[in-house]
C-alpha atoms as a PDB file:
ATOM      1  CA  UNK A   1      11.808 -53.014 -12.353  1.00  0.00           C
ATOM      2  CA  UNK A   2       9.512 -55.341 -13.113  1.00  0.00           C
ATOM      3  CA  UNK A   3       8.273 -56.571 -10.032  1.00  0.00           C
ATOM      4  CA  UNK A   4       7.603 -54.535  -6.630  1.00  0.00           C
ATOM      5  CA  UNK A   5      10.795 -54.315  -4.961  1.00  0.00           C
ATOM      6  CA  UNK A   6      10.604 -55.777  -1.280  1.00  0.00           C
ATOM      7  CA  UNK A   7      11.448 -53.268   1.795  1.00  0.00           C
ATOM      8  CA  UNK A   8      13.181 -54.004   5.020  1.00  0.00           C
ATOM      9  CA  UNK A   9      11.847 -52.825   8.565  1.00  0.00           C
ATOM     10  CA  UNK A  10      12.814 -49.417   8.306  1.00  0.00           C
ATOM     11  CA  UNK A  11      11.370 -48.890   4.776  1.00  0.00           C
ATOM     12  CA  UNK A  12      14.358 -49.093   2.647  1.00  0.00           C
ATOM     13  CA  UNK A  13      13.486 -50.224  -0.942  1.00  0.00           C
ATOM     14  CA  UNK A  14      15.582 -53.042  -1.853  1.00  0.00           C
ATOM     15  CA  UNK A  15      16.768 -53.538  -5.135  1.00  0.00           C
ATOM     16  CA  UNK A  16      18.166 -56.613  -6.732  1.00  0.00           C
ATOM     17  CA  UNK A  17      21.405 -55.135  -8.789  1.00  0.00           C
ATOM     18  CA  UNK A  18      21.557 -57.574 -11.599  1.00  0.00           C
ATOM     19  CA  UNK A  19      18.193 -57.877 -12.411  1.00  0.00           C
ATOM     20  CA  UNK A  20      18.359 -53.501 -13.136  1.00  0.00           C
ATOM     21  CA  UNK A  21      21.554 -54.063 -14.831  1.00  0.00           C
ATOM     22  CA  UNK A  22      19.868 -57.169 -16.941  1.00  0.00           C
ATOM     23  CA  UNK A  23      16.756 -54.578 -17.716  1.00  0.00           C
ATOM     24  CA  UNK A  24      18.852 -51.925 -18.656  1.00  0.00           C
ATOM     25  CA  UNK A  25      20.560 -53.586 -20.811  1.00  0.00           C
ATOM     26  CA  UNK A  26      18.031 -55.078 -22.586  1.00  0.00           C
ATOM     27  CA  UNK A  27      16.318 -51.823 -23.127  1.00  0.00           C
ATOM     28  CA  UNK A  28      19.346 -50.172 -24.135  1.00  0.00           C
ATOM     29  CA  UNK A  29      19.781 -52.765 -26.685  1.00  0.00           C
ATOM     30  CA  UNK A  30      16.059 -52.344 -27.719  1.00  0.00           C
ATOM     31  CA  UNK A  31      16.822 -48.518 -28.268  1.00  0.00           C
ATOM     32  CA  UNK A  32      20.549 -49.455 -30.284  1.00  0.00           C
ATOM     33  CA  UNK A  33      18.424 -51.874 -32.294  1.00  0.00           C
ATOM     34  CA  UNK A  34      15.774 -49.099 -33.404  1.00  0.00           C
ATOM     35  CA  UNK A  35      18.363 -47.075 -34.610  1.00  0.00           C
ATOM     36  CA  UNK A  36      19.868 -49.379 -36.959  1.00  0.00           C
ATOM     37  CA  UNK A  37      22.507 -50.639 -35.004  1.00  0.00           C
ATOM     38  CA  UNK A  38      25.107 -47.622 -35.190  1.00  0.00           C
ATOM     39  CA  UNK A  39      28.814 -48.528 -33.570  1.00  0.00           C
ATOM     40  CA  UNK A  40      28.273 -47.647 -29.917  1.00  0.00           C
ATOM     41  CA  UNK A  41      32.116 -47.200 -27.735  1.00  0.00           C
ATOM     42  CA  UNK A  42      32.998 -45.286 -24.820  1.00  0.00           C
ATOM     43  CA  UNK A  43      34.368 -41.768 -25.157  1.00  0.00           C
ATOM     44  CA  UNK A  44      35.797 -39.989 -22.213  1.00  0.00           C
ATOM     45  CA  UNK A  45      37.726 -36.190 -21.391  1.00  0.00           C
ATOM     46  CA  UNK A  46      39.848 -35.711 -18.633  1.00  0.00           C
ATOM     47  CA  UNK A  47      39.974 -32.139 -17.902  1.00  0.00           C
ATOM     48  CA  UNK A  48      43.047 -31.550 -15.294  1.00  0.00           C
ATOM     49  CA  UNK A  49      45.316 -33.620 -13.612  1.00  0.00           C
ATOM     50  CA  UNK A  50      42.982 -35.418 -10.533  1.00  0.00           C
ATOM     51  CA  UNK A  51      44.321 -38.323  -9.512  1.00  0.00           C
ATOM     52  CA  UNK A  52      41.540 -40.261  -8.563  1.00  0.00           C
ATOM     53  CA  UNK A  53      39.941 -38.936 -12.028  1.00  0.00           C
ATOM     54  CA  UNK A  54      41.983 -40.945 -13.727  1.00  0.00           C
ATOM     55  CA  UNK A  55      41.883 -44.226 -11.794  1.00  0.00           C
ATOM     56  CA  UNK A  56      37.757 -44.273 -12.302  1.00  0.00           C
ATOM     57  CA  UNK A  57      37.987 -43.391 -16.275  1.00  0.00           C
ATOM     58  CA  UNK A  58      41.040 -45.660 -16.446  1.00  0.00           C
ATOM     59  CA  UNK A  59      39.060 -48.860 -14.933  1.00  0.00           C
ATOM     60  CA  UNK A  60      36.163 -47.839 -17.217  1.00  0.00           C
ATOM     61  CA  UNK A  61      38.339 -47.761 -20.263  1.00  0.00           C
ATOM     62  CA  UNK A  62      39.488 -51.700 -18.943  1.00  0.00           C
ATOM     63  CA  UNK A  63      36.188 -52.656 -18.158  1.00  0.00           C
ATOM     64  CA  UNK A  64      36.282 -57.041 -19.280  1.00  0.00           C
ATOM     65  CA  UNK A  65      32.585 -57.470 -19.378  1.00  0.00           C
ATOM     66  CA  UNK A  66      30.768 -55.026 -22.601  1.00  0.00           C
ATOM     67  CA  UNK A  67      27.787 -56.144 -23.698  1.00  0.00           C
ATOM     68  CA  UNK A  68      27.920 -57.686 -27.484  1.00  0.00           C
ATOM     69  CA  UNK A  69      26.802 -54.809 -29.281  1.00  0.00           C
ATOM     70  CA  UNK A  70      29.729 -52.431 -27.699  1.00  0.00           C
ATOM     71  CA  UNK A  71      32.369 -51.456 -30.371  1.00  0.00           C
ATOM     72  CA  UNK A  72      35.984 -52.492 -28.724  1.00  0.00           C
ATOM     73  CA  UNK A  73      37.144 -48.953 -29.317  1.00  0.00           C
ATOM     74  CA  UNK A  74      37.211 -46.406 -26.791  1.00  0.00           C
ATOM     75  CA  UNK A  75      38.442 -42.464 -26.974  1.00  0.00           C
ATOM     76  CA  UNK A  76      40.182 -40.843 -24.020  1.00  0.00           C
ATOM     77  CA  UNK A  77      41.241 -37.198 -24.139  1.00  0.00           C
ATOM     78  CA  UNK A  78      43.196 -35.412 -21.773  1.00  0.00           C
ATOM     79  CA  UNK A  79      42.984 -31.479 -21.191  1.00  0.00           C
ATOM     80  CA  UNK A  80      44.758 -29.008 -19.424  1.00  0.00           C
ATOM     81  CA  UNK A  81      43.283 -27.638 -16.063  1.00  0.00           C
ATOM     82  CA  UNK A  82      43.144 -24.671 -17.862  1.00  0.00           C
ATOM     83  CA  UNK A  83      40.731 -25.739 -20.266  1.00  0.00           C
ATOM     84  CA  UNK A  84      37.208 -23.772 -20.431  1.00  0.00           C
END
């Protein structure tokens, strides 16, 4: 983060999630721009049939707010639990 983080009386660091997100996205965008703006998409691999994992991955593929540099294409492959 660009500014000094505030602390609670117990010493915990208070983070500004919005600022941290904005800085992280800006850094990623700069890296992508320097790389010649290659196509970027989300790819996931699910191994097995764990219901919470399916819910988590599905939510990642449905996330409505994506940066402008993110391609709409996404890839999700499911593999059998015996896959090694």
